[in-house]
ModelCIF file with pLDDT and N, C-alpha, C, O atoms, coordinates in Angstrom:
data_MODEL
#
_entry.id   MODEL 
#
_entity.id                         1 
_entity.type                       polymer 
_entity.pdbx_number_of_molecules   1 
#
_entity_poly.entity_id                      1 
_entity_poly.type                           'polypeptide(L)' 
_entity_poly.nstd_linkage                   no 
_entity_poly.nstd_monomer                   no 
_entity_poly.pdbx_seq_one_letter_code       NASSFATQIANLAYGEMDRNAEKPGCSYTTGSTSCPGQYQLVSKKWD 
_entity_poly.pdbx_seq_one_letter_code_can   NASSFATQIANLAYGEMDRNAEKPGCSYTTGSTSCPGQYQLVSKKWD 
_entity_poly.pdbx_strand_id                 A 
#
loop_
_entity_poly_seq.entity_id 
_entity_poly_seq.num 
_entity_poly_seq.mon_id 
_entity_poly_seq.hetero 
1 1  ASN n 
1 2  ALA n 
1 3  SER n 
1 4  SER n 
1 5  PHE n 
1 6  ALA n 
1 7  THR n 
1 8  GLN n 
1 9  ILE n 
1 10 ALA n 
1 11 ASN n 
1 12 LEU n 
1 13 ALA n 
1 14 TYR n 
1 15 GLY n 
1 16 GLU n 
1 17 MET n 
1 18 ASP n 
1 19 ARG n 
1 20 ASN n 
1 21 ALA n 
1 22 GLU n 
1 23 LYS n 
1 24 PRO n 
1 25 GLY n 
1 26 CYS n 
1 27 SER n 
1 28 TYR n 
1 29 THR n 
1 30 THR n 
1 31 GLY n 
1 32 SER n 
1 33 THR n 
1 34 SER n 
1 35 CYS n 
1 36 PRO n 
1 37 GLY n 
1 38 GLN n 
1 39 TYR n 
1 40 GLN n 
1 41 LEU n 
1 42 VAL n 
1 43 SER n 
1 44 LYS n 
1 45 LYS n 
1 46 TRP n 
1 47 ASP n 
#
_struct_asym.id          A 
_struct_asym.entity_id   1 
#
loop_
_ma_qa_metric.id 
_ma_qa_metric.mode 
_ma_qa_metric.name 
_ma_qa_metric.software_group_id 
_ma_qa_metric.type 
1 global pLDDT . pLDDT 
2 local  pLDDT . pLDDT 
#
_ma_qa_metric_global.metric_id      1 
_ma_qa_metric_global.metric_value   95.77 
_ma_qa_metric_global.model_id       1 
_ma_qa_metric_global.ordinal_id     1 
#
loop_
_ma_qa_metric_local.label_asym_id 
_ma_qa_metric_local.label_comp_id 
_ma_qa_metric_local.label_seq_id 
_ma_qa_metric_local.metric_id 
_ma_qa_metric_local.metric_value 
_ma_qa_metric_local.model_id 
_ma_qa_metric_local.ordinal_id 
A ASN 1  2 93.00 1 1  
A ALA 2  2 94.00 1 2  
A SER 3  2 92.00 1 3  
A SER 4  2 94.00 1 4  
A PHE 5  2 95.00 1 5  
A ALA 6  2 92.00 1 6  
A THR 7  2 92.00 1 7  
A GLN 8  2 97.00 1 8  
A ILE 9  2 98.00 1 9  
A ALA 10 2 98.00 1 10 
A ASN 11 2 98.00 1 11 
A LEU 12 2 98.00 1 12 
A ALA 13 2 98.00 1 13 
A TYR 14 2 98.00 1 14 
A GLY 15 2 97.00 1 15 
A GLU 16 2 96.00 1 16 
A MET 17 2 97.00 1 17 
A ASP 18 2 97.00 1 18 
A ARG 19 2 97.00 1 19 
A ASN 20 2 97.00 1 20 
A ALA 21 2 96.00 1 21 
A GLU 22 2 95.00 1 22 
A LYS 23 2 95.00 1 23 
A PRO 24 2 96.00 1 24 
A GLY 25 2 96.00 1 25 
A CYS 26 2 96.00 1 26 
A SER 27 2 95.00 1 27 
A TYR 28 2 94.00 1 28 
A THR 29 2 93.00 1 29 
A THR 30 2 91.00 1 30 
A GLY 31 2 91.00 1 31 
A SER 32 2 92.00 1 32 
A THR 33 2 95.00 1 33 
A SER 34 2 95.00 1 34 
A CYS 35 2 96.00 1 35 
A PRO 36 2 97.00 1 36 
A GLY 37 2 97.00 1 37 
A GLN 38 2 97.00 1 38 
A TYR 39 2 97.00 1 39 
A GLN 40 2 97.00 1 40 
A LEU 41 2 97.00 1 41 
A VAL 42 2 98.00 1 42 
A SER 43 2 97.00 1 43 
A LYS 44 2 97.00 1 44 
A LYS 45 2 97.00 1 45 
A TRP 46 2 98.00 1 46 
A ASP 47 2 98.00 1 47 
#
loop_
_atom_site.group_PDB 
_atom_site.id 
_atom_site.type_symbol 
_atom_site.label_atom_id 
_atom_site.label_alt_id 
_atom_site.label_comp_id 
_atom_site.label_asym_id 
_atom_site.label_entity_id 
_atom_site.label_seq_id 
_atom_site.pdbx_PDB_ins_code 
_atom_site.Cartn_x 
_atom_site.Cartn_y 
_atom_site.Cartn_z 
_atom_site.occupancy 
_atom_site.B_iso_or_equiv 
_atom_site.pdbx_formal_charge 
_atom_site.auth_seq_id 
_atom_site.auth_comp_id 
_atom_site.auth_asym_id 
_atom_site.auth_atom_id 
_atom_site.pdbx_PDB_model_num 
ATOM 1   N N  . ASN A 1 1  ? 87.350 206.587 209.456 1.00 93.00 ? 1  ASN A N  1 
ATOM 2   C CA . ASN A 1 1  ? 86.941 207.076 210.784 1.00 93.00 ? 1  ASN A CA 1 
ATOM 3   C C  . ASN A 1 1  ? 85.662 206.418 211.295 1.00 93.00 ? 1  ASN A C  1 
ATOM 4   O O  . ASN A 1 1  ? 85.153 206.793 212.351 1.00 93.00 ? 1  ASN A O  1 
ATOM 5   N N  . ALA A 1 2  ? 85.141 205.440 210.557 1.00 94.00 ? 2  ALA A N  1 
ATOM 6   C CA . ALA A 1 2  ? 83.842 204.851 210.898 1.00 94.00 ? 2  ALA A CA 1 
ATOM 7   C C  . ALA A 1 2  ? 83.825 204.213 212.281 1.00 94.00 ? 2  ALA A C  1 
ATOM 8   O O  . ALA A 1 2  ? 82.763 204.123 212.897 1.00 94.00 ? 2  ALA A O  1 
ATOM 9   N N  . SER A 1 3  ? 84.960 203.774 212.778 1.00 92.00 ? 3  SER A N  1 
ATOM 10  C CA . SER A 1 3  ? 84.978 203.146 214.113 1.00 92.00 ? 3  SER A CA 1 
ATOM 11  C C  . SER A 1 3  ? 84.533 204.119 215.197 1.00 92.00 ? 3  SER A C  1 
ATOM 12  O O  . SER A 1 3  ? 84.093 203.693 216.265 1.00 92.00 ? 3  SER A O  1 
ATOM 13  N N  . SER A 1 4  ? 84.643 205.430 214.936 1.00 94.00 ? 4  SER A N  1 
ATOM 14  C CA . SER A 1 4  ? 84.252 206.430 215.931 1.00 94.00 ? 4  SER A CA 1 
ATOM 15  C C  . SER A 1 4  ? 82.741 206.554 216.079 1.00 94.00 ? 4  SER A C  1 
ATOM 16  O O  . SER A 1 4  ? 82.267 207.211 217.006 1.00 94.00 ? 4  SER A O  1 
ATOM 17  N N  . PHE A 1 5  ? 81.970 205.928 215.171 1.00 95.00 ? 5  PHE A N  1 
ATOM 18  C CA . PHE A 1 5  ? 80.519 205.901 215.356 1.00 95.00 ? 5  PHE A CA 1 
ATOM 19  C C  . PHE A 1 5  ? 80.141 205.178 216.647 1.00 95.00 ? 5  PHE A C  1 
ATOM 20  O O  . PHE A 1 5  ? 79.049 205.379 217.180 1.00 95.00 ? 5  PHE A O  1 
ATOM 21  N N  . ALA A 1 6  ? 81.047 204.334 217.149 1.00 92.00 ? 6  ALA A N  1 
ATOM 22  C CA . ALA A 1 6  ? 80.754 203.561 218.356 1.00 92.00 ? 6  ALA A CA 1 
ATOM 23  C C  . ALA A 1 6  ? 80.515 204.439 219.574 1.00 92.00 ? 6  ALA A C  1 
ATOM 24  O O  . ALA A 1 6  ? 79.899 203.997 220.544 1.00 92.00 ? 6  ALA A O  1 
ATOM 25  N N  . THR A 1 7  ? 81.000 205.689 219.534 1.00 92.00 ? 7  THR A N  1 
ATOM 26  C CA . THR A 1 7  ? 80.821 206.582 220.682 1.00 92.00 ? 7  THR A CA 1 
ATOM 27  C C  . THR A 1 7  ? 80.165 207.911 220.299 1.00 92.00 ? 7  THR A C  1 
ATOM 28  O O  . THR A 1 7  ? 80.210 208.871 221.069 1.00 92.00 ? 7  THR A O  1 
ATOM 29  N N  . GLN A 1 8  ? 79.560 207.966 219.122 1.00 97.00 ? 8  GLN A N  1 
ATOM 30  C CA . GLN A 1 8  ? 78.859 209.180 218.703 1.00 97.00 ? 8  GLN A CA 1 
ATOM 31  C C  . GLN A 1 8  ? 77.376 209.065 219.083 1.00 97.00 ? 8  GLN A C  1 
ATOM 32  O O  . GLN A 1 8  ? 76.846 207.958 219.178 1.00 97.00 ? 8  GLN A O  1 
ATOM 33  N N  . ILE A 1 9  ? 76.713 210.197 219.298 1.00 98.00 ? 9  ILE A N  1 
ATOM 34  C CA . ILE A 1 9  ? 75.294 210.219 219.638 1.00 98.00 ? 9  ILE A CA 1 
ATOM 35  C C  . ILE A 1 9  ? 74.559 211.174 218.713 1.00 98.00 ? 9  ILE A C  1 
ATOM 36  O O  . ILE A 1 9  ? 75.170 212.055 218.109 1.00 98.00 ? 9  ILE A O  1 
ATOM 37  N N  . ALA A 1 10 ? 73.238 210.999 218.601 1.00 98.00 ? 10 ALA A N  1 
ATOM 38  C CA . ALA A 1 10 ? 72.462 211.818 217.669 1.00 98.00 ? 10 ALA A CA 1 
ATOM 39  C C  . ALA A 1 10 ? 71.119 212.207 218.279 1.00 98.00 ? 10 ALA A C  1 
ATOM 40  O O  . ALA A 1 10 ? 70.402 211.370 218.829 1.00 98.00 ? 10 ALA A O  1 
ATOM 41  N N  . ASN A 1 11 ? 70.795 213.493 218.170 1.00 98.00 ? 11 ASN A N  1 
ATOM 42  C CA . ASN A 1 11 ? 69.514 214.020 218.614 1.00 98.00 ? 11 ASN A CA 1 
ATOM 43  C C  . ASN A 1 11 ? 68.763 214.524 217.382 1.00 98.00 ? 11 ASN A C  1 
ATOM 44  O O  . ASN A 1 11 ? 69.144 215.540 216.801 1.00 98.00 ? 11 ASN A O  1 
ATOM 45  N N  . LEU A 1 12 ? 67.710 213.831 216.982 1.00 98.00 ? 12 LEU A N  1 
ATOM 46  C CA . LEU A 1 12 ? 66.889 214.224 215.840 1.00 98.00 ? 12 LEU A CA 1 
ATOM 47  C C  . LEU A 1 12 ? 65.600 214.850 216.368 1.00 98.00 ? 12 LEU A C  1 
ATOM 48  O O  . LEU A 1 12 ? 65.025 214.365 217.343 1.00 98.00 ? 12 LEU A O  1 
ATOM 49  N N  . ALA A 1 13 ? 65.153 215.916 215.734 1.00 98.00 ? 13 ALA A N  1 
ATOM 50  C CA . ALA A 1 13 ? 63.981 216.631 216.245 1.00 98.00 ? 13 ALA A CA 1 
ATOM 51  C C  . ALA A 1 13 ? 63.165 217.216 215.103 1.00 98.00 ? 13 ALA A C  1 
ATOM 52  O O  . ALA A 1 13 ? 63.657 217.418 213.993 1.00 98.00 ? 13 ALA A O  1 
ATOM 53  N N  . TYR A 1 14 ? 61.892 217.483 215.418 1.00 98.00 ? 14 TYR A N  1 
ATOM 54  C CA . TYR A 1 14 ? 60.998 218.113 214.441 1.00 98.00 ? 14 TYR A CA 1 
ATOM 55  C C  . TYR A 1 14 ? 59.915 218.882 215.195 1.00 98.00 ? 14 TYR A C  1 
ATOM 56  O O  . TYR A 1 14 ? 59.606 218.560 216.342 1.00 98.00 ? 14 TYR A O  1 
ATOM 57  N N  . GLY A 1 15 ? 59.352 219.877 214.565 1.00 97.00 ? 15 GLY A N  1 
ATOM 58  C CA . GLY A 1 15 ? 58.220 220.591 215.125 1.00 97.00 ? 15 GLY A CA 1 
ATOM 59  C C  . GLY A 1 15 ? 56.932 219.853 214.793 1.00 97.00 ? 15 GLY A C  1 
ATOM 60  O O  . GLY A 1 15 ? 56.738 219.415 213.659 1.00 97.00 ? 15 GLY A O  1 
ATOM 61  N N  . GLU A 1 16 ? 56.059 219.715 215.773 1.00 96.00 ? 16 GLU A N  1 
ATOM 62  C CA . GLU A 1 16 ? 54.839 218.947 215.549 1.00 96.00 ? 16 GLU A CA 1 
ATOM 63  C C  . GLU A 1 16 ? 53.896 219.614 214.542 1.00 96.00 ? 16 GLU A C  1 
ATOM 64  O O  . GLU A 1 16 ? 52.918 219.003 214.110 1.00 96.00 ? 16 GLU A O  1 
ATOM 65  N N  . MET A 1 17 ? 54.186 220.868 214.168 1.00 97.00 ? 17 MET A N  1 
ATOM 66  C CA . MET A 1 17 ? 53.358 221.563 213.185 1.00 97.00 ? 17 MET A CA 1 
ATOM 67  C C  . MET A 1 17 ? 54.005 221.591 211.799 1.00 97.00 ? 17 MET A C  1 
ATOM 68  O O  . MET A 1 17 ? 53.518 222.261 210.888 1.00 97.00 ? 17 MET A O  1 
ATOM 69  N N  . ASP A 1 18 ? 55.119 220.847 211.653 1.00 97.00 ? 18 ASP A N  1 
ATOM 70  C CA . ASP A 1 18 ? 55.760 220.748 210.340 1.00 97.00 ? 18 ASP A CA 1 
ATOM 71  C C  . ASP A 1 18 ? 54.985 219.741 209.478 1.00 97.00 ? 18 ASP A C  1 
ATOM 72  O O  . ASP A 1 18 ? 54.025 219.127 209.945 1.00 97.00 ? 18 ASP A O  1 
ATOM 73  N N  . ARG A 1 19 ? 55.396 219.582 208.258 1.00 97.00 ? 19 ARG A N  1 
ATOM 74  C CA . ARG A 1 19 ? 54.665 218.763 207.292 1.00 97.00 ? 19 ARG A CA 1 
ATOM 75  C C  . ARG A 1 19 ? 54.620 217.296 207.729 1.00 97.00 ? 19 ARG A C  1 
ATOM 76  O O  . ARG A 1 19 ? 55.623 216.753 208.191 1.00 97.00 ? 19 ARG A O  1 
ATOM 77  N N  . ASN A 1 20 ? 53.461 216.661 207.581 1.00 97.00 ? 20 ASN A N  1 
ATOM 78  C CA . ASN A 1 20 ? 53.237 215.253 207.920 1.00 97.00 ? 20 ASN A CA 1 
ATOM 79  C C  . ASN A 1 20 ? 53.444 214.936 209.391 1.00 97.00 ? 20 ASN A C  1 
ATOM 80  O O  . ASN A 1 20 ? 53.529 213.766 209.764 1.00 97.00 ? 20 ASN A O  1 
ATOM 81  N N  . ALA A 1 21 ? 53.527 215.962 210.235 1.00 96.00 ? 21 ALA A N  1 
ATOM 82  C CA . ALA A 1 21 ? 53.672 215.733 211.668 1.00 96.00 ? 21 ALA A CA 1 
ATOM 83  C C  . ALA A 1 21 ? 52.285 215.701 212.315 1.00 96.00 ? 21 ALA A C  1 
ATOM 84  O O  . ALA A 1 21 ? 51.269 215.701 211.619 1.00 96.00 ? 21 ALA A O  1 
ATOM 85  N N  . GLU A 1 22 ? 52.248 215.673 213.649 1.00 95.00 ? 22 GLU A N  1 
ATOM 86  C CA . GLU A 1 22 ? 50.997 215.458 214.367 1.00 95.00 ? 22 GLU A CA 1 
ATOM 87  C C  . GLU A 1 22 ? 49.982 216.587 214.214 1.00 95.00 ? 22 GLU A C  1 
ATOM 88  O O  . GLU A 1 22 ? 48.778 216.332 214.186 1.00 95.00 ? 22 GLU A O  1 
ATOM 89  N N  . LYS A 1 23 ? 50.445 217.824 214.117 1.00 95.00 ? 23 LYS A N  1 
ATOM 90  C CA . LYS A 1 23 ? 49.539 218.979 214.049 1.00 95.00 ? 23 LYS A CA 1 
ATOM 91  C C  . LYS A 1 23 ? 50.015 219.939 212.964 1.00 95.00 ? 23 LYS A C  1 
ATOM 92  O O  . LYS A 1 23 ? 50.458 221.042 213.283 1.00 95.00 ? 23 LYS A O  1 
ATOM 93  N N  . PRO A 1 24 ? 49.937 219.554 211.697 1.00 96.00 ? 24 PRO A N  1 
ATOM 94  C CA . PRO A 1 24 ? 50.463 220.409 210.623 1.00 96.00 ? 24 PRO A CA 1 
ATOM 95  C C  . PRO A 1 24 ? 49.936 221.829 210.714 1.00 96.00 ? 24 PRO A C  1 
ATOM 96  O O  . PRO A 1 24 ? 48.739 222.054 210.894 1.00 96.00 ? 24 PRO A O  1 
ATOM 97  N N  . GLY A 1 25 ? 50.850 222.784 210.587 1.00 96.00 ? 25 GLY A N  1 
ATOM 98  C CA . GLY A 1 25 ? 50.492 224.192 210.726 1.00 96.00 ? 25 GLY A CA 1 
ATOM 99  C C  . GLY A 1 25 ? 50.079 224.833 209.417 1.00 96.00 ? 25 GLY A C  1 
ATOM 100 O O  . GLY A 1 25 ? 49.572 224.171 208.511 1.00 96.00 ? 25 GLY A O  1 
ATOM 101 N N  . CYS A 1 26 ? 50.304 226.123 209.338 1.00 96.00 ? 26 CYS A N  1 
ATOM 102 C CA . CYS A 1 26 ? 49.908 226.892 208.156 1.00 96.00 ? 26 CYS A CA 1 
ATOM 103 C C  . CYS A 1 26 ? 50.736 226.474 206.938 1.00 96.00 ? 26 CYS A C  1 
ATOM 104 O O  . CYS A 1 26 ? 51.925 226.174 207.050 1.00 96.00 ? 26 CYS A O  1 
ATOM 105 N N  . SER A 1 27 ? 50.080 226.461 205.772 1.00 95.00 ? 27 SER A N  1 
ATOM 106 C CA . SER A 1 27 ? 50.813 226.220 204.528 1.00 95.00 ? 27 SER A CA 1 
ATOM 107 C C  . SER A 1 27 ? 51.567 227.497 204.170 1.00 95.00 ? 27 SER A C  1 
ATOM 108 O O  . SER A 1 27 ? 51.052 228.605 204.318 1.00 95.00 ? 27 SER A O  1 
ATOM 109 N N  . TYR A 1 28 ? 52.797 227.317 203.696 1.00 94.00 ? 28 TYR A N  1 
ATOM 110 C CA . TYR A 1 28 ? 53.624 228.491 203.387 1.00 94.00 ? 28 TYR A CA 1 
ATOM 111 C C  . TYR A 1 28 ? 53.584 228.819 201.898 1.00 94.00 ? 28 TYR A C  1 
ATOM 112 O O  . TYR A 1 28 ? 53.743 227.938 201.053 1.00 94.00 ? 28 TYR A O  1 
ATOM 113 N N  . THR A 1 29 ? 53.371 230.088 201.589 1.00 93.00 ? 29 THR A N  1 
ATOM 114 C CA . THR A 1 29 ? 53.555 230.605 200.240 1.00 93.00 ? 29 THR A CA 1 
ATOM 115 C C  . THR A 1 29 ? 54.532 231.768 200.335 1.00 93.00 ? 29 THR A C  1 
ATOM 116 O O  . THR A 1 29 ? 54.614 232.441 201.363 1.00 93.00 ? 29 THR A O  1 
ATOM 117 N N  . THR A 1 30 ? 55.258 231.994 199.275 1.00 91.00 ? 30 THR A N  1 
ATOM 118 C CA . THR A 1 30 ? 56.286 233.035 199.284 1.00 91.00 ? 30 THR A CA 1 
ATOM 119 C C  . THR A 1 30 ? 55.736 234.372 199.771 1.00 91.00 ? 30 THR A C  1 
ATOM 120 O O  . THR A 1 30 ? 54.738 234.877 199.257 1.00 91.00 ? 30 THR A O  1 
ATOM 121 N N  . GLY A 1 31 ? 56.404 234.924 200.762 1.00 91.00 ? 31 GLY A N  1 
ATOM 122 C CA . GLY A 1 31 ? 55.995 236.207 201.319 1.00 91.00 ? 31 GLY A CA 1 
ATOM 123 C C  . GLY A 1 31 ? 55.058 236.117 202.501 1.00 91.00 ? 31 GLY A C  1 
ATOM 124 O O  . GLY A 1 31 ? 54.737 237.137 203.111 1.00 91.00 ? 31 GLY A O  1 
ATOM 125 N N  . SER A 1 32 ? 54.603 234.896 202.847 1.00 92.00 ? 32 SER A N  1 
ATOM 126 C CA . SER A 1 32 ? 53.688 234.744 203.979 1.00 92.00 ? 32 SER A CA 1 
ATOM 127 C C  . SER A 1 32 ? 54.378 235.132 205.282 1.00 92.00 ? 32 SER A C  1 
ATOM 128 O O  . SER A 1 32 ? 55.548 234.812 205.492 1.00 92.00 ? 32 SER A O  1 
ATOM 129 N N  . THR A 1 33 ? 53.651 235.821 206.154 1.00 95.00 ? 33 THR A N  1 
ATOM 130 C CA . THR A 1 33 ? 54.201 236.192 207.471 1.00 95.00 ? 33 THR A CA 1 
ATOM 131 C C  . THR A 1 33 ? 53.180 236.005 208.594 1.00 95.00 ? 33 THR A C  1 
ATOM 132 O O  . THR A 1 33 ? 53.457 236.364 209.739 1.00 95.00 ? 33 THR A O  1 
ATOM 133 N N  . SER A 1 34 ? 52.017 235.455 208.290 1.00 95.00 ? 34 SER A N  1 
ATOM 134 C CA . SER A 1 34 ? 50.938 235.407 209.286 1.00 95.00 ? 34 SER A CA 1 
ATOM 135 C C  . SER A 1 34 ? 51.124 234.330 210.349 1.00 95.00 ? 34 SER A C  1 
ATOM 136 O O  . SER A 1 34 ? 50.500 234.407 211.407 1.00 95.00 ? 34 SER A O  1 
ATOM 137 N N  . CYS A 1 35 ? 51.970 233.325 210.096 1.00 96.00 ? 35 CYS A N  1 
ATOM 138 C CA . CYS A 1 35 ? 52.148 232.207 211.041 1.00 96.00 ? 35 CYS A CA 1 
ATOM 139 C C  . CYS A 1 35 ? 53.618 232.002 211.386 1.00 96.00 ? 35 CYS A C  1 
ATOM 140 O O  . CYS A 1 35 ? 54.130 230.895 211.217 1.00 96.00 ? 35 CYS A O  1 
ATOM 141 N N  . PRO A 1 36 ? 54.315 233.036 211.865 1.00 97.00 ? 36 PRO A N  1 
ATOM 142 C CA . PRO A 1 36 ? 55.742 232.849 212.155 1.00 97.00 ? 36 PRO A CA 1 
ATOM 143 C C  . PRO A 1 36 ? 55.970 231.719 213.152 1.00 97.00 ? 36 PRO A C  1 
ATOM 144 O O  . PRO A 1 36 ? 55.297 231.629 214.179 1.00 97.00 ? 36 PRO A O  1 
ATOM 145 N N  . GLY A 1 37 ? 56.925 230.868 212.829 1.00 97.00 ? 37 GLY A N  1 
ATOM 146 C CA . GLY A 1 37 ? 57.270 229.766 213.716 1.00 97.00 ? 37 GLY A CA 1 
ATOM 147 C C  . GLY A 1 37 ? 56.354 228.579 213.630 1.00 97.00 ? 37 GLY A C  1 
ATOM 148 O O  . GLY A 1 37 ? 56.597 227.569 214.291 1.00 97.00 ? 37 GLY A O  1 
ATOM 149 N N  . GLN A 1 38 ? 55.275 228.664 212.813 1.00 97.00 ? 38 GLN A N  1 
ATOM 150 C CA . GLN A 1 38 ? 54.294 227.584 212.801 1.00 97.00 ? 38 GLN A CA 1 
ATOM 151 C C  . GLN A 1 38 ? 53.868 227.183 211.384 1.00 97.00 ? 38 GLN A C  1 
ATOM 152 O O  . GLN A 1 38 ? 52.755 226.697 211.181 1.00 97.00 ? 38 GLN A O  1 
ATOM 153 N N  . TYR A 1 39 ? 54.754 227.388 210.411 1.00 97.00 ? 39 TYR A N  1 
ATOM 154 C CA . TYR A 1 39 ? 54.481 226.917 209.060 1.00 97.00 ? 39 TYR A CA 1 
ATOM 155 C C  . TYR A 1 39 ? 54.886 225.451 208.925 1.00 97.00 ? 39 TYR A C  1 
ATOM 156 O O  . TYR A 1 39 ? 55.818 224.987 209.583 1.00 97.00 ? 39 TYR A O  1 
ATOM 157 N N  . GLN A 1 40 ? 54.172 224.734 208.067 1.00 97.00 ? 40 GLN A N  1 
ATOM 158 C CA . GLN A 1 40 ? 54.585 223.381 207.695 1.00 97.00 ? 40 GLN A CA 1 
ATOM 159 C C  . GLN A 1 40 ? 55.340 223.455 206.374 1.00 97.00 ? 40 GLN A C  1 
ATOM 160 O O  . GLN A 1 40 ? 54.917 224.152 205.451 1.00 97.00 ? 40 GLN A O  1 
ATOM 161 N N  . LEU A 1 41 ? 56.452 222.741 206.283 1.00 97.00 ? 41 LEU A N  1 
ATOM 162 C CA . LEU A 1 41 ? 57.263 222.812 205.062 1.00 97.00 ? 41 LEU A CA 1 
ATOM 163 C C  . LEU A 1 41 ? 57.984 221.507 204.760 1.00 97.00 ? 41 LEU A C  1 
ATOM 164 O O  . LEU A 1 41 ? 57.908 221.007 203.638 1.00 97.00 ? 41 LEU A O  1 
ATOM 165 N N  . VAL A 1 42 ? 58.688 220.944 205.752 1.00 98.00 ? 42 VAL A N  1 
ATOM 166 C CA . VAL A 1 42 ? 59.534 219.764 205.539 1.00 98.00 ? 42 VAL A CA 1 
ATOM 167 C C  . VAL A 1 42 ? 58.936 218.570 206.280 1.00 98.00 ? 42 VAL A C  1 
ATOM 168 O O  . VAL A 1 42 ? 58.567 218.683 207.449 1.00 98.00 ? 42 VAL A O  1 
ATOM 169 N N  . SER A 1 43 ? 58.841 217.438 205.606 1.00 97.00 ? 43 SER A N  1 
ATOM 170 C CA . SER A 1 43 ? 58.166 216.276 206.165 1.00 97.00 ? 43 SER A CA 1 
ATOM 171 C C  . SER A 1 43 ? 58.877 215.688 207.386 1.00 97.00 ? 43 SER A C  1 
ATOM 172 O O  . SER A 1 43 ? 60.103 215.585 207.420 1.00 97.00 ? 43 SER A O  1 
ATOM 173 N N  . LYS A 1 44 ? 58.082 215.309 208.382 1.00 97.00 ? 44 LYS A N  1 
ATOM 174 C CA . LYS A 1 44 ? 58.600 214.581 209.543 1.00 97.00 ? 44 LYS A CA 1 
ATOM 175 C C  . LYS A 1 44 ? 59.271 213.268 209.129 1.00 97.00 ? 44 LYS A C  1 
ATOM 176 O O  . LYS A 1 44 ? 60.137 212.762 209.843 1.00 97.00 ? 44 LYS A O  1 
ATOM 177 N N  . LYS A 1 45 ? 58.878 212.720 207.987 1.00 97.00 ? 45 LYS A N  1 
ATOM 178 C CA . LYS A 1 45 ? 59.419 211.439 207.518 1.00 97.00 ? 45 LYS A CA 1 
ATOM 179 C C  . LYS A 1 45 ? 60.937 211.480 207.411 1.00 97.00 ? 45 LYS A C  1 
ATOM 180 O O  . LYS A 1 45 ? 61.599 210.469 207.644 1.00 97.00 ? 45 LYS A O  1 
ATOM 181 N N  . TRP A 1 46 ? 61.500 212.637 207.059 1.00 98.00 ? 46 TRP A N  1 
ATOM 182 C CA . TRP A 1 46 ? 62.968 212.727 207.011 1.00 98.00 ? 46 TRP A CA 1 
ATOM 183 C C  . TRP A 1 46 ? 63.554 212.408 208.386 1.00 98.00 ? 46 TRP A C  1 
ATOM 184 O O  . TRP A 1 46 ? 64.575 211.726 208.481 1.00 98.00 ? 46 TRP A O  1 
ATOM 185 N N  . ASP A 1 47 ? 62.917 212.895 209.444 1.00 98.00 ? 47 ASP A N  1 
ATOM 186 C CA . ASP A 1 47 ? 63.450 212.699 210.790 1.00 98.00 ? 47 ASP A CA 1 
ATOM 187 C C  . ASP A 1 47 ? 63.377 211.245 211.222 1.00 98.00 ? 47 ASP A C  1 
ATOM 188 O O  . ASP A 1 47 ? 63.786 210.910 212.333 1.00 98.00 ? 47 ASP A O  1 
#
């Protein structure tokens, strides 16, 4: 099915406060709830 890549599109995204991004947010430890939506965890490098 690889020929169908010719018409496929991809949207890659990351939060700027995630790990290694422009504005890394709060570090996450198990049970943390003080920074909902703004923890850093996964590196922007994957994106």
